[in-house]
Amino acid sequence: MARRDVWDTGGVNSSSEPEQSRATAPDDDALTSTDGPEAPAAVTRPLRPRRIGLVAVLALVIIVLDQVTKLLVVAHLDPDAPPKRILGGLVYLSLFRNAGAAFSTATGVTWILALVAIGVVVVIIRMASKLRSTAWAIALGLVLGGAVGNLIDRIFRSPGILRGHVVDFISLFEPDGRHFAVFNIADSGITLGAVALVLTAIFGIDMDGYRTKDKKTEADRG
């Protein structure tokens, strides 16, 4: 009887060992898993507000200034009269009709310039809806205002639609563009906007308002 009890006890113990082993054994999926350590979460930045309003305001300011000054120049300056000297000779005002691009370049292809201006306006308007950068908004607002200002002249001034001559009247340092090309407010907006765009590229500012360099640094640290 004693030997049978020992045998029975051993049988029970021997049958429970596999169950205990199975209960404590690691999961097969854990053994076969090849996943490495969990990848760090991507660095997320809060979205900045859209800057389409800033683009629109700057563009509107340039357009209004440009058109008002052109109306005054056409009404009060005689193209055959001597230039008006102001600011101690820093600026001379005289009326010019420009068939070319900004600063009297590319004359003779007025209608092509008008179509290019229309294309620029469309592209900027589409970009403006996605802008979250103040620097980009200032740059594109200035360019947009200048492009629209001169485009108004191309469309509505003589000799005809898409062939109209742009009114230029500002000459720096010397009259009649002897030192620097005669230009207008719209030309100034285009030039300042282009300079601003170059600066955004130099400083690596993206359209979302953050610097590319800073985003890469944070991604590397993450």
N, C-alpha and C. Protein backbone atom coordinates (compact mmCIF):
# COMPACT_ATOMS: atom_id res chain seq x y z
N MET A 1 0.83 -1.20 0.00
CA MET A 1 0.00 0.00 0.00
C MET A 1 0.85 1.24 0.00
N ALA A 2 1.93 1.21 0.85
CA ALA A 2 2.79 2.39 0.91
C ALA A 2 3.44 2.66 -0.43
N ARG A 3 3.85 1.57 -1.07
CA ARG A 3 4.51 1.75 -2.37
C ARG A 3 3.51 2.26 -3.41
N ARG A 4 2.26 1.79 -3.30
CA ARG A 4 1.24 2.27 -4.24
C ARG A 4 0.94 3.75 -4.02
N ASP A 5 0.90 4.14 -2.73
CA ASP A 5 0.67 5.58 -2.44
C ASP A 5 1.78 6.44 -3.02
N VAL A 6 2.99 5.94 -2.85
CA VAL A 6 4.11 6.70 -3.40
C VAL A 6 3.99 6.77 -4.91
N TRP A 7 3.62 5.68 -5.53
CA TRP A 7 3.46 5.65 -6.99
C TRP A 7 2.37 6.60 -7.44
N ASP A 8 1.24 6.60 -6.71
CA ASP A 8 0.15 7.49 -7.07
C ASP A 8 0.55 8.94 -6.90
N THR A 9 1.23 9.18 -5.78
CA THR A 9 1.66 10.57 -5.54
C THR A 9 2.62 11.02 -6.62
N GLY A 10 3.54 10.13 -6.96
CA GLY A 10 4.47 10.48 -8.03
C GLY A 10 3.77 10.68 -9.33
N GLY A 11 2.74 9.91 -9.59
CA GLY A 11 2.00 10.09 -10.83
C GLY A 11 1.31 11.42 -10.88
N VAL A 12 0.72 11.79 -9.75
CA VAL A 12 0.05 13.10 -9.71
C VAL A 12 1.04 14.21 -9.92
N ASN A 13 2.18 14.10 -9.21
CA ASN A 13 3.20 15.16 -9.32
C ASN A 13 3.76 15.24 -10.74
N SER A 14 3.98 14.08 -11.35
CA SER A 14 4.56 14.08 -12.68
C SER A 14 3.60 14.65 -13.70
N SER A 15 2.27 14.45 -13.47
CA SER A 15 1.31 14.99 -14.43
C SER A 15 1.10 16.47 -14.26
N SER A 16 1.36 16.99 -13.06
CA SER A 16 1.16 18.43 -12.83
C SER A 16 2.32 19.26 -13.28
N GLU A 17 3.49 18.67 -13.37
CA GLU A 17 4.67 19.44 -13.77
C GLU A 17 4.55 20.01 -15.17
N PRO A 18 4.07 19.24 -16.17
CA PRO A 18 3.92 19.83 -17.50
C PRO A 18 2.92 20.96 -17.52
N GLU A 19 1.82 20.79 -16.72
CA GLU A 19 0.82 21.86 -16.68
C GLU A 19 1.43 23.14 -16.12
N GLN A 20 2.21 23.00 -15.03
CA GLN A 20 2.85 24.16 -14.45
C GLN A 20 3.85 24.77 -15.42
N SER A 21 4.56 23.88 -16.11
CA SER A 21 5.54 24.36 -17.10
C SER A 21 4.86 25.10 -18.22
N ARG A 22 3.74 24.57 -18.68
CA ARG A 22 3.01 25.24 -19.76
C ARG A 22 2.43 26.56 -19.29
N ALA A 23 2.03 26.58 -18.03
CA ALA A 23 1.42 27.82 -17.50
C ALA A 23 2.43 28.93 -17.40
N THR A 24 3.68 28.58 -17.09
CA THR A 24 4.70 29.61 -16.88
C THR A 24 5.57 29.84 -18.10
N ALA A 25 5.38 29.05 -19.13
CA ALA A 25 6.21 29.19 -20.32
C ALA A 25 5.88 30.47 -21.05
N PRO A 26 6.84 31.14 -21.64
CA PRO A 26 6.56 32.37 -22.39
C PRO A 26 5.71 32.09 -23.61
N ASP A 27 4.98 33.08 -24.00
CA ASP A 27 4.10 32.95 -25.16
C ASP A 27 4.92 32.72 -26.42
N ASP A 28 4.40 31.86 -27.30
CA ASP A 28 5.13 31.56 -28.53
C ASP A 28 5.37 32.80 -29.36
N ASP A 29 4.35 33.73 -29.35
CA ASP A 29 4.51 34.96 -30.12
C ASP A 29 5.65 35.79 -29.61
N ALA A 30 5.84 35.75 -28.25
CA ALA A 30 6.94 36.52 -27.67
C ALA A 30 8.28 35.96 -28.10
N LEU A 31 8.34 34.62 -28.23
CA LEU A 31 9.60 34.01 -28.63
C LEU A 31 9.93 34.27 -30.08
N THR A 32 8.90 34.33 -30.90
CA THR A 32 9.13 34.49 -32.33
C THR A 32 9.09 35.93 -32.77
N SER A 33 8.75 36.85 -31.87
CA SER A 33 8.65 38.26 -32.25
C SER A 33 10.02 38.82 -32.56
N THR A 34 10.08 39.57 -33.67
CA THR A 34 11.35 40.19 -34.08
C THR A 34 11.30 41.70 -33.94
N ASP A 35 10.22 42.18 -33.30
CA ASP A 35 10.11 43.63 -33.15
C ASP A 35 11.20 44.14 -32.23
N GLY A 36 11.81 45.25 -32.65
CA GLY A 36 12.82 45.86 -31.83
C GLY A 36 12.19 46.79 -30.81
N PRO A 37 12.98 47.64 -30.17
CA PRO A 37 12.44 48.60 -29.22
C PRO A 37 11.48 49.56 -29.92
N GLU A 38 10.51 49.99 -29.21
CA GLU A 38 9.49 50.86 -29.78
C GLU A 38 10.12 52.16 -30.29
N ALA A 39 9.78 52.52 -31.52
CA ALA A 39 10.35 53.72 -32.13
C ALA A 39 9.83 54.96 -31.42
N PRO A 40 10.67 55.96 -31.25
CA PRO A 40 10.20 57.19 -30.60
C PRO A 40 9.14 57.87 -31.43
N ALA A 41 8.21 58.46 -30.76
CA ALA A 41 7.14 59.17 -31.46
C ALA A 41 7.69 60.37 -32.20
N ALA A 42 7.11 60.63 -33.38
CA ALA A 42 7.56 61.77 -34.17
C ALA A 42 7.29 63.07 -33.45
N VAL A 43 8.19 64.00 -33.59
CA VAL A 43 8.02 65.30 -32.96
C VAL A 43 6.87 66.04 -33.64
N THR A 44 5.91 66.42 -32.86
CA THR A 44 4.76 67.15 -33.41
C THR A 44 4.78 68.57 -32.90
N ARG A 45 4.50 69.50 -33.78
CA ARG A 45 4.47 70.91 -33.43
C ARG A 45 3.04 71.42 -33.56
N PRO A 46 2.68 72.33 -32.70
CA PRO A 46 1.33 72.89 -32.83
C PRO A 46 1.20 73.69 -34.13
N LEU A 47 0.06 73.55 -34.77
CA LEU A 47 -0.18 74.29 -36.00
C LEU A 47 -0.38 75.77 -35.70
N ARG A 48 0.33 76.59 -36.42
CA ARG A 48 0.14 78.03 -36.28
C ARG A 48 -1.07 78.47 -37.09
N PRO A 49 -1.66 79.60 -36.73
CA PRO A 49 -2.84 80.06 -37.48
C PRO A 49 -2.48 80.40 -38.92
N ARG A 50 -3.44 80.26 -39.79
CA ARG A 50 -3.23 80.59 -41.20
C ARG A 50 -3.02 82.09 -41.36
N ARG A 51 -2.21 82.47 -42.36
CA ARG A 51 -1.84 83.87 -42.55
C ARG A 51 -2.45 84.46 -43.81
N ILE A 52 -3.53 83.87 -44.30
CA ILE A 52 -4.12 84.39 -45.53
C ILE A 52 -4.64 85.81 -45.34
N GLY A 53 -5.08 86.14 -44.13
CA GLY A 53 -5.55 87.50 -43.86
C GLY A 53 -4.44 88.52 -44.00
N LEU A 54 -3.25 88.19 -43.51
CA LEU A 54 -2.10 89.09 -43.63
C LEU A 54 -1.72 89.29 -45.08
N VAL A 55 -1.74 88.21 -45.85
CA VAL A 55 -1.45 88.31 -47.29
C VAL A 55 -2.43 89.27 -47.96
N ALA A 56 -3.72 89.10 -47.66
CA ALA A 56 -4.76 89.92 -48.28
C ALA A 56 -4.62 91.39 -47.90
N VAL A 57 -4.35 91.66 -46.64
CA VAL A 57 -4.23 93.06 -46.18
C VAL A 57 -3.05 93.74 -46.83
N LEU A 58 -1.90 93.09 -46.84
CA LEU A 58 -0.70 93.70 -47.46
C LEU A 58 -0.91 93.92 -48.96
N ALA A 59 -1.50 92.93 -49.61
CA ALA A 59 -1.75 93.07 -51.04
C ALA A 59 -2.69 94.24 -51.30
N LEU A 60 -3.73 94.37 -50.50
CA LEU A 60 -4.70 95.45 -50.68
C LEU A 60 -4.05 96.82 -50.45
N VAL A 61 -3.19 96.91 -49.45
CA VAL A 61 -2.50 98.19 -49.18
C VAL A 61 -1.65 98.59 -50.38
N ILE A 62 -0.89 97.65 -50.93
CA ILE A 62 -0.04 97.95 -52.09
C ILE A 62 -0.90 98.36 -53.28
N ILE A 63 -1.98 97.64 -53.52
CA ILE A 63 -2.84 97.94 -54.67
C ILE A 63 -3.44 99.33 -54.55
N VAL A 64 -3.96 99.66 -53.37
CA VAL A 64 -4.58 100.98 -53.17
C VAL A 64 -3.56 102.09 -53.33
N LEU A 65 -2.40 101.96 -52.68
CA LEU A 65 -1.35 102.98 -52.80
C LEU A 65 -0.91 103.13 -54.25
N ASP A 66 -0.75 102.01 -54.91
CA ASP A 66 -0.29 102.05 -56.30
C ASP A 66 -1.29 102.76 -57.20
N GLN A 67 -2.54 102.40 -57.10
CA GLN A 67 -3.54 102.97 -58.00
C GLN A 67 -3.84 104.43 -57.67
N VAL A 68 -3.86 104.77 -56.40
CA VAL A 68 -4.11 106.17 -56.03
C VAL A 68 -2.98 107.07 -56.52
N THR A 69 -1.74 106.65 -56.30
CA THR A 69 -0.61 107.47 -56.75
C THR A 69 -0.58 107.59 -58.28
N LYS A 70 -0.93 106.53 -58.97
CA LYS A 70 -0.96 106.59 -60.44
C LYS A 70 -2.04 107.56 -60.93
N LEU A 71 -3.20 107.52 -60.28
CA LEU A 71 -4.27 108.46 -60.65
C LEU A 71 -3.83 109.90 -60.44
N LEU A 72 -3.16 110.16 -59.32
CA LEU A 72 -2.69 111.52 -59.03
C LEU A 72 -1.63 111.96 -60.04
N VAL A 73 -0.73 111.06 -60.37
CA VAL A 73 0.34 111.38 -61.32
C VAL A 73 -0.24 111.69 -62.70
N VAL A 74 -1.15 110.86 -63.16
CA VAL A 74 -1.75 111.08 -64.48
C VAL A 74 -2.53 112.39 -64.50
N ALA A 75 -3.17 112.73 -63.39
CA ALA A 75 -3.98 113.95 -63.33
C ALA A 75 -3.15 115.22 -63.20
N HIS A 76 -1.98 115.15 -62.57
CA HIS A 76 -1.26 116.38 -62.23
C HIS A 76 0.12 116.51 -62.87
N LEU A 77 0.64 115.48 -63.48
CA LEU A 77 1.97 115.57 -64.08
C LEU A 77 1.86 115.57 -65.60
N ASP A 78 2.53 116.52 -66.19
CA ASP A 78 2.60 116.60 -67.65
C ASP A 78 3.84 115.84 -68.11
N PRO A 79 3.69 114.85 -68.99
CA PRO A 79 4.87 114.08 -69.43
C PRO A 79 5.91 114.93 -70.14
N ASP A 80 5.50 116.09 -70.64
CA ASP A 80 6.46 116.96 -71.34
C ASP A 80 7.05 118.02 -70.42
N ALA A 81 6.57 118.10 -69.18
CA ALA A 81 7.07 119.10 -68.23
C ALA A 81 8.33 118.59 -67.53
N PRO A 82 9.14 119.48 -67.00
CA PRO A 82 10.33 119.06 -66.26
C PRO A 82 9.93 118.24 -65.03
N PRO A 83 10.74 117.27 -64.64
CA PRO A 83 10.43 116.45 -63.46
C PRO A 83 10.34 117.30 -62.19
N LYS A 84 9.50 116.88 -61.26
CA LYS A 84 9.37 117.57 -59.99
C LYS A 84 10.37 117.00 -58.99
N ARG A 85 11.17 117.89 -58.42
CA ARG A 85 12.22 117.48 -57.49
C ARG A 85 11.70 117.56 -56.06
N ILE A 86 11.76 116.44 -55.32
CA ILE A 86 11.31 116.43 -53.93
C ILE A 86 12.35 115.76 -53.05
N LEU A 87 12.22 115.97 -51.75
CA LEU A 87 13.13 115.38 -50.76
C LEU A 87 14.59 115.73 -51.05
N GLY A 88 14.80 116.98 -51.43
CA GLY A 88 16.15 117.46 -51.67
C GLY A 88 16.87 116.80 -52.82
N GLY A 89 16.12 116.31 -53.80
CA GLY A 89 16.74 115.66 -54.95
C GLY A 89 16.87 114.16 -54.81
N LEU A 90 16.39 113.61 -53.69
CA LEU A 90 16.43 112.16 -53.53
C LEU A 90 15.46 111.49 -54.49
N VAL A 91 14.32 112.16 -54.73
CA VAL A 91 13.28 111.60 -55.61
C VAL A 91 12.86 112.65 -56.62
N TYR A 92 12.68 112.21 -57.86
CA TYR A 92 12.12 113.05 -58.93
C TYR A 92 10.86 112.37 -59.45
N LEU A 93 9.83 113.17 -59.67
CA LEU A 93 8.56 112.64 -60.16
C LEU A 93 8.35 113.08 -61.60
N SER A 94 8.12 112.11 -62.46
CA SER A 94 7.82 112.40 -63.86
C SER A 94 7.00 111.26 -64.42
N LEU A 95 6.14 111.57 -65.39
CA LEU A 95 5.21 110.59 -65.92
C LEU A 95 5.81 109.82 -67.09
N PHE A 96 5.83 108.49 -66.96
CA PHE A 96 6.28 107.61 -68.03
C PHE A 96 5.23 106.52 -68.26
N ARG A 97 5.09 106.11 -69.52
CA ARG A 97 4.21 104.98 -69.86
C ARG A 97 5.09 103.81 -70.24
N ASN A 98 5.02 102.75 -69.46
CA ASN A 98 5.92 101.62 -69.63
C ASN A 98 5.18 100.43 -70.24
N ALA A 99 5.62 100.00 -71.42
CA ALA A 99 5.02 98.84 -72.08
C ALA A 99 5.68 97.54 -71.65
N GLY A 100 6.75 97.64 -70.84
CA GLY A 100 7.49 96.44 -70.45
C GLY A 100 7.17 95.99 -69.04
N ALA A 101 8.12 95.29 -68.44
CA ALA A 101 7.95 94.76 -67.09
C ALA A 101 8.43 95.79 -66.07
N ALA A 102 8.62 95.32 -64.85
CA ALA A 102 9.08 96.21 -63.78
C ALA A 102 10.39 96.87 -64.18
N PHE A 103 10.50 98.15 -63.83
CA PHE A 103 11.70 98.94 -64.12
C PHE A 103 11.99 99.03 -65.61
N SER A 104 10.91 99.05 -66.44
CA SER A 104 11.02 99.30 -67.88
C SER A 104 11.79 98.23 -68.63
N THR A 105 11.73 96.99 -68.18
CA THR A 105 12.41 95.90 -68.88
C THR A 105 11.40 95.10 -69.70
N ALA A 106 11.89 94.38 -70.70
CA ALA A 106 11.08 93.48 -71.54
C ALA A 106 9.95 94.22 -72.25
N THR A 107 10.27 95.36 -72.83
CA THR A 107 9.26 96.08 -73.60
C THR A 107 8.99 95.34 -74.90
N GLY A 108 7.78 95.49 -75.42
CA GLY A 108 7.42 94.86 -76.68
C GLY A 108 6.69 93.54 -76.54
N VAL A 109 6.60 93.00 -75.33
CA VAL A 109 5.88 91.74 -75.10
C VAL A 109 4.85 91.95 -73.99
N THR A 110 4.09 93.02 -74.09
CA THR A 110 3.18 93.41 -73.03
C THR A 110 2.16 92.32 -72.71
N TRP A 111 1.55 91.72 -73.74
CA TRP A 111 0.51 90.73 -73.49
C TRP A 111 1.06 89.49 -72.80
N ILE A 112 2.30 89.12 -73.11
CA ILE A 112 2.92 87.98 -72.44
C ILE A 112 3.14 88.30 -70.96
N LEU A 113 3.60 89.53 -70.71
CA LEU A 113 3.81 89.95 -69.32
C LEU A 113 2.50 89.93 -68.54
N ALA A 114 1.41 90.32 -69.20
CA ALA A 114 0.10 90.31 -68.55
C ALA A 114 -0.31 88.89 -68.19
N LEU A 115 -0.10 87.94 -69.09
CA LEU A 115 -0.45 86.55 -68.82
C LEU A 115 0.42 85.97 -67.70
N VAL A 116 1.70 86.34 -67.70
CA VAL A 116 2.59 85.90 -66.63
C VAL A 116 2.10 86.45 -65.28
N ALA A 117 1.71 87.72 -65.27
CA ALA A 117 1.21 88.32 -64.04
C ALA A 117 -0.04 87.60 -63.54
N ILE A 118 -0.93 87.24 -64.45
CA ILE A 118 -2.13 86.50 -64.06
C ILE A 118 -1.75 85.16 -63.44
N GLY A 119 -0.79 84.47 -64.06
CA GLY A 119 -0.33 83.20 -63.51
C GLY A 119 0.26 83.35 -62.12
N VAL A 120 1.05 84.40 -61.92
CA VAL A 120 1.65 84.65 -60.61
C VAL A 120 0.57 84.89 -59.56
N VAL A 121 -0.42 85.67 -59.92
CA VAL A 121 -1.52 85.97 -58.99
C VAL A 121 -2.24 84.70 -58.58
N VAL A 122 -2.54 83.83 -59.54
CA VAL A 122 -3.25 82.58 -59.25
C VAL A 122 -2.43 81.70 -58.32
N VAL A 123 -1.14 81.56 -58.61
CA VAL A 123 -0.27 80.71 -57.78
C VAL A 123 -0.19 81.24 -56.36
N ILE A 124 -0.03 82.55 -56.20
CA ILE A 124 0.09 83.11 -54.86
C ILE A 124 -1.20 82.94 -54.06
N ILE A 125 -2.33 83.14 -54.72
CA ILE A 125 -3.61 82.97 -54.02
C ILE A 125 -3.77 81.53 -53.54
N ARG A 126 -3.36 80.58 -54.35
CA ARG A 126 -3.46 79.17 -53.94
C ARG A 126 -2.50 78.88 -52.79
N MET A 127 -1.31 79.44 -52.82
CA MET A 127 -0.35 79.23 -51.74
C MET A 127 -0.81 79.90 -50.45
N ALA A 128 -1.44 81.06 -50.58
CA ALA A 128 -1.83 81.83 -49.41
C ALA A 128 -2.80 81.08 -48.51
N SER A 129 -3.62 80.22 -49.09
CA SER A 129 -4.59 79.48 -48.29
C SER A 129 -3.93 78.46 -47.36
N LYS A 130 -2.66 78.13 -47.62
CA LYS A 130 -1.95 77.13 -46.81
C LYS A 130 -0.89 77.75 -45.91
N LEU A 131 -0.68 79.05 -46.02
CA LEU A 131 0.41 79.69 -45.31
C LEU A 131 0.15 79.77 -43.81
N ARG A 132 1.19 79.45 -43.02
CA ARG A 132 1.15 79.64 -41.58
C ARG A 132 2.38 80.42 -41.10
N SER A 133 3.15 80.92 -42.04
CA SER A 133 4.37 81.67 -41.74
C SER A 133 4.16 83.16 -41.97
N THR A 134 4.50 83.97 -40.97
CA THR A 134 4.37 85.42 -41.11
C THR A 134 5.33 85.95 -42.17
N ALA A 135 6.55 85.43 -42.19
CA ALA A 135 7.54 85.89 -43.17
C ALA A 135 7.07 85.61 -44.59
N TRP A 136 6.58 84.40 -44.81
CA TRP A 136 6.07 84.05 -46.13
C TRP A 136 4.86 84.91 -46.49
N ALA A 137 4.00 85.16 -45.52
CA ALA A 137 2.80 85.96 -45.79
C ALA A 137 3.17 87.39 -46.19
N ILE A 138 4.15 87.98 -45.52
CA ILE A 138 4.59 89.33 -45.88
C ILE A 138 5.16 89.35 -47.29
N ALA A 139 6.03 88.38 -47.57
CA ALA A 139 6.66 88.33 -48.90
C ALA A 139 5.63 88.16 -50.01
N LEU A 140 4.75 87.19 -49.86
CA LEU A 140 3.77 86.93 -50.90
C LEU A 140 2.72 88.02 -50.99
N GLY A 141 2.40 88.65 -49.86
CA GLY A 141 1.45 89.76 -49.89
C GLY A 141 1.99 90.94 -50.69
N LEU A 142 3.28 91.24 -50.52
CA LEU A 142 3.90 92.33 -51.28
C LEU A 142 3.95 92.01 -52.78
N VAL A 143 4.35 90.79 -53.09
CA VAL A 143 4.43 90.40 -54.50
C VAL A 143 3.04 90.39 -55.13
N LEU A 144 2.06 89.87 -54.41
CA LEU A 144 0.70 89.81 -54.93
C LEU A 144 0.15 91.21 -55.18
N GLY A 145 0.34 92.11 -54.24
CA GLY A 145 -0.13 93.48 -54.42
C GLY A 145 0.52 94.16 -55.61
N GLY A 146 1.84 93.97 -55.76
CA GLY A 146 2.53 94.57 -56.89
C GLY A 146 2.09 93.99 -58.22
N ALA A 147 1.92 92.68 -58.26
CA ALA A 147 1.49 92.04 -59.50
C ALA A 147 0.10 92.50 -59.91
N VAL A 148 -0.81 92.58 -58.94
CA VAL A 148 -2.17 93.02 -59.25
C VAL A 148 -2.19 94.50 -59.64
N GLY A 149 -1.39 95.32 -58.97
CA GLY A 149 -1.34 96.75 -59.29
C GLY A 149 -0.96 97.01 -60.73
N ASN A 150 0.10 96.36 -61.18
CA ASN A 150 0.52 96.54 -62.57
C ASN A 150 -0.42 95.83 -63.55
N LEU A 151 -1.02 94.72 -63.10
CA LEU A 151 -1.96 94.02 -63.97
C LEU A 151 -3.20 94.87 -64.26
N ILE A 152 -3.61 95.65 -63.29
CA ILE A 152 -4.74 96.56 -63.51
C ILE A 152 -4.43 97.52 -64.66
N ASP A 153 -3.21 98.02 -64.67
CA ASP A 153 -2.80 98.90 -65.77
C ASP A 153 -2.81 98.14 -67.11
N ARG A 154 -2.30 96.90 -67.10
CA ARG A 154 -2.25 96.11 -68.33
C ARG A 154 -3.65 95.89 -68.91
N ILE A 155 -4.62 95.74 -68.02
CA ILE A 155 -5.97 95.42 -68.48
C ILE A 155 -6.76 96.66 -68.87
N PHE A 156 -6.66 97.74 -68.08
CA PHE A 156 -7.58 98.86 -68.24
C PHE A 156 -6.99 100.10 -68.91
N ARG A 157 -5.70 100.20 -69.03
CA ARG A 157 -5.12 101.39 -69.65
C ARG A 157 -4.87 101.16 -71.14
N SER A 158 -4.69 102.26 -71.84
CA SER A 158 -4.44 102.18 -73.28
C SER A 158 -3.05 101.57 -73.52
N PRO A 159 -2.87 100.90 -74.67
CA PRO A 159 -3.73 100.89 -75.86
C PRO A 159 -4.83 99.82 -75.90
N GLY A 160 -4.93 98.93 -74.87
CA GLY A 160 -5.99 97.94 -74.91
C GLY A 160 -5.80 96.86 -73.86
N ILE A 161 -6.79 95.97 -73.77
CA ILE A 161 -6.77 94.90 -72.78
C ILE A 161 -5.55 94.00 -72.98
N LEU A 162 -4.85 93.75 -71.88
CA LEU A 162 -3.62 92.93 -71.83
C LEU A 162 -2.45 93.60 -72.55
N ARG A 163 -2.68 94.79 -73.09
CA ARG A 163 -1.60 95.52 -73.77
C ARG A 163 -1.40 96.92 -73.18
N GLY A 164 -2.10 97.18 -72.09
CA GLY A 164 -2.02 98.51 -71.49
C GLY A 164 -0.63 98.82 -70.95
N HIS A 165 -0.26 100.09 -71.03
CA HIS A 165 1.04 100.53 -70.55
C HIS A 165 0.96 100.91 -69.07
N VAL A 166 1.93 100.47 -68.31
CA VAL A 166 1.98 100.74 -66.87
C VAL A 166 2.49 102.15 -66.63
N VAL A 167 1.88 102.82 -65.66
CA VAL A 167 2.29 104.18 -65.30
C VAL A 167 3.46 104.11 -64.32
N ASP A 168 4.60 104.65 -64.72
CA ASP A 168 5.78 104.77 -63.85
C ASP A 168 6.04 106.24 -63.61
N PHE A 169 6.56 106.56 -62.40
CA PHE A 169 6.74 107.99 -62.12
C PHE A 169 7.83 108.30 -61.10
N ILE A 170 8.46 107.32 -60.48
CA ILE A 170 9.46 107.58 -59.44
C ILE A 170 10.86 107.37 -60.02
N SER A 171 11.69 108.40 -59.91
CA SER A 171 13.09 108.32 -60.33
C SER A 171 13.97 108.72 -59.16
N LEU A 172 14.93 107.89 -58.81
CA LEU A 172 15.77 108.14 -57.65
C LEU A 172 17.07 108.85 -58.04
N PHE A 173 17.42 109.84 -57.23
CA PHE A 173 18.70 110.54 -57.29
C PHE A 173 18.85 111.48 -58.48
N GLU A 174 18.36 111.08 -59.64
CA GLU A 174 18.43 111.92 -60.83
C GLU A 174 17.12 111.79 -61.60
N PRO A 175 16.75 112.80 -62.37
CA PRO A 175 15.48 112.73 -63.12
C PRO A 175 15.57 111.77 -64.30
N ASP A 176 14.39 111.36 -64.76
CA ASP A 176 14.24 110.57 -65.99
C ASP A 176 14.97 109.23 -65.95
N GLY A 177 15.16 108.69 -64.78
CA GLY A 177 15.80 107.39 -64.68
C GLY A 177 17.24 107.34 -65.09
N ARG A 178 17.95 108.44 -64.98
CA ARG A 178 19.36 108.47 -65.40
C ARG A 178 20.25 107.63 -64.48
N HIS A 179 19.91 107.60 -63.20
CA HIS A 179 20.72 106.82 -62.25
C HIS A 179 20.10 105.46 -61.96
N PHE A 180 18.77 105.43 -61.93
CA PHE A 180 18.06 104.20 -61.62
C PHE A 180 16.74 104.20 -62.39
N ALA A 181 16.28 103.03 -62.80
CA ALA A 181 15.09 102.94 -63.64
C ALA A 181 13.87 103.57 -62.97
N VAL A 182 13.01 104.19 -63.77
CA VAL A 182 11.78 104.78 -63.27
C VAL A 182 10.82 103.65 -62.90
N PHE A 183 10.15 103.80 -61.74
CA PHE A 183 9.29 102.71 -61.26
C PHE A 183 8.06 103.28 -60.56
N ASN A 184 7.26 102.40 -59.98
CA ASN A 184 6.06 102.81 -59.27
C ASN A 184 5.92 102.02 -57.97
N ILE A 185 4.81 102.19 -57.26
CA ILE A 185 4.62 101.52 -55.98
C ILE A 185 4.50 100.01 -56.17
N ALA A 186 3.83 99.59 -57.24
CA ALA A 186 3.69 98.15 -57.50
C ALA A 186 5.05 97.51 -57.73
N ASP A 187 5.91 98.17 -58.49
CA ASP A 187 7.27 97.65 -58.71
C ASP A 187 8.01 97.51 -57.38
N SER A 188 7.83 98.49 -56.51
CA SER A 188 8.48 98.44 -55.20
C SER A 188 7.99 97.25 -54.40
N GLY A 189 6.66 97.00 -54.43
CA GLY A 189 6.11 95.85 -53.71
C GLY A 189 6.68 94.54 -54.22
N ILE A 190 6.78 94.40 -55.54
CA ILE A 190 7.33 93.18 -56.12
C ILE A 190 8.78 92.98 -55.69
N THR A 191 9.55 94.07 -55.74
CA THR A 191 10.97 93.98 -55.38
C THR A 191 11.16 93.64 -53.91
N LEU A 192 10.44 94.32 -53.03
CA LEU A 192 10.56 94.05 -51.59
C LEU A 192 10.09 92.64 -51.26
N GLY A 193 9.02 92.20 -51.92
CA GLY A 193 8.55 90.84 -51.70
C GLY A 193 9.55 89.80 -52.15
N ALA A 194 10.21 90.05 -53.27
CA ALA A 194 11.23 89.12 -53.75
C ALA A 194 12.40 89.04 -52.78
N VAL A 195 12.81 90.19 -52.24
CA VAL A 195 13.88 90.20 -51.24
C VAL A 195 13.46 89.42 -50.01
N ALA A 196 12.22 89.59 -49.58
CA ALA A 196 11.72 88.86 -48.41
C ALA A 196 11.71 87.36 -48.66
N LEU A 197 11.37 86.95 -49.88
CA LEU A 197 11.38 85.52 -50.21
C LEU A 197 12.80 84.96 -50.15
N VAL A 198 13.76 85.73 -50.62
CA VAL A 198 15.15 85.30 -50.55
C VAL A 198 15.59 85.12 -49.09
N LEU A 199 15.16 86.05 -48.23
CA LEU A 199 15.52 85.97 -46.80
C LEU A 199 14.90 84.74 -46.14
N THR A 200 13.66 84.42 -46.50
CA THR A 200 13.04 83.21 -45.93
C THR A 200 13.81 81.96 -46.34
N ALA A 201 14.32 81.96 -47.57
CA ALA A 201 15.12 80.82 -48.02
C ALA A 201 16.45 80.76 -47.28
N ILE A 202 17.08 81.91 -47.09
CA ILE A 202 18.38 81.95 -46.39
C ILE A 202 18.24 81.44 -44.95
N PHE A 203 17.18 81.87 -44.28
CA PHE A 203 16.97 81.47 -42.88
C PHE A 203 16.23 80.14 -42.75
N GLY A 204 15.89 79.52 -43.87
CA GLY A 204 15.29 78.20 -43.84
C GLY A 204 13.90 78.16 -43.23
N ILE A 205 13.11 79.20 -43.47
CA ILE A 205 11.76 79.25 -42.91
C ILE A 205 10.79 78.57 -43.86
N ASP A 206 10.07 77.58 -43.35
CA ASP A 206 9.09 76.86 -44.16
C ASP A 206 7.74 77.57 -44.13
N MET A 207 6.84 77.12 -44.99
CA MET A 207 5.52 77.73 -45.07
C MET A 207 4.69 77.53 -43.81
N ASP A 208 5.07 76.54 -42.98
CA ASP A 208 4.34 76.32 -41.73
C ASP A 208 4.82 77.23 -40.61
N GLY A 209 5.83 78.05 -40.89
CA GLY A 209 6.32 79.02 -39.90
C GLY A 209 7.50 78.56 -39.09
N TYR A 210 7.91 77.31 -39.25
CA TYR A 210 9.05 76.78 -38.50
C TYR A 210 10.27 76.64 -39.41
N ARG A 211 11.44 76.68 -38.77
CA ARG A 211 12.68 76.57 -39.54
C ARG A 211 12.99 75.10 -39.80
N THR A 212 13.42 74.81 -41.01
CA THR A 212 13.75 73.45 -41.40
C THR A 212 14.85 72.89 -40.51
N LYS A 213 15.85 73.68 -40.19
CA LYS A 213 16.97 73.24 -39.37
C LYS A 213 16.50 72.83 -37.99
N ASP A 214 15.60 73.62 -37.39
CA ASP A 214 15.11 73.30 -36.05
C ASP A 214 14.30 72.01 -36.05
N LYS A 215 13.50 71.80 -37.09
CA LYS A 215 12.70 70.58 -37.16
C LYS A 215 13.59 69.35 -37.31
N LYS A 216 14.65 69.45 -38.08
CA LYS A 216 15.56 68.32 -38.23
C LYS A 216 16.28 68.02 -36.93
N THR A 217 16.67 69.08 -36.19
CA THR A 217 17.35 68.88 -34.91
C THR A 217 16.45 68.17 -33.91
N GLU A 218 15.20 68.59 -33.83
CA GLU A 218 14.27 67.97 -32.92
C GLU A 218 13.99 66.52 -33.32
N ALA A 219 13.92 66.25 -34.62
CA ALA A 219 13.68 64.88 -35.08
C ALA A 219 14.86 63.98 -34.71
N ASP A 220 16.08 64.50 -34.82
CA ASP A 220 17.26 63.72 -34.45
C ASP A 220 17.29 63.43 -32.95
N ARG A 221 16.90 64.42 -32.14
CA ARG A 221 16.87 64.21 -30.68
C ARG A 221 15.79 63.23 -30.28
N GLY A 222 14.69 63.23 -31.05
CA GLY A 222 13.60 62.31 -30.73
C GLY A 222 13.98 60.88 -30.99
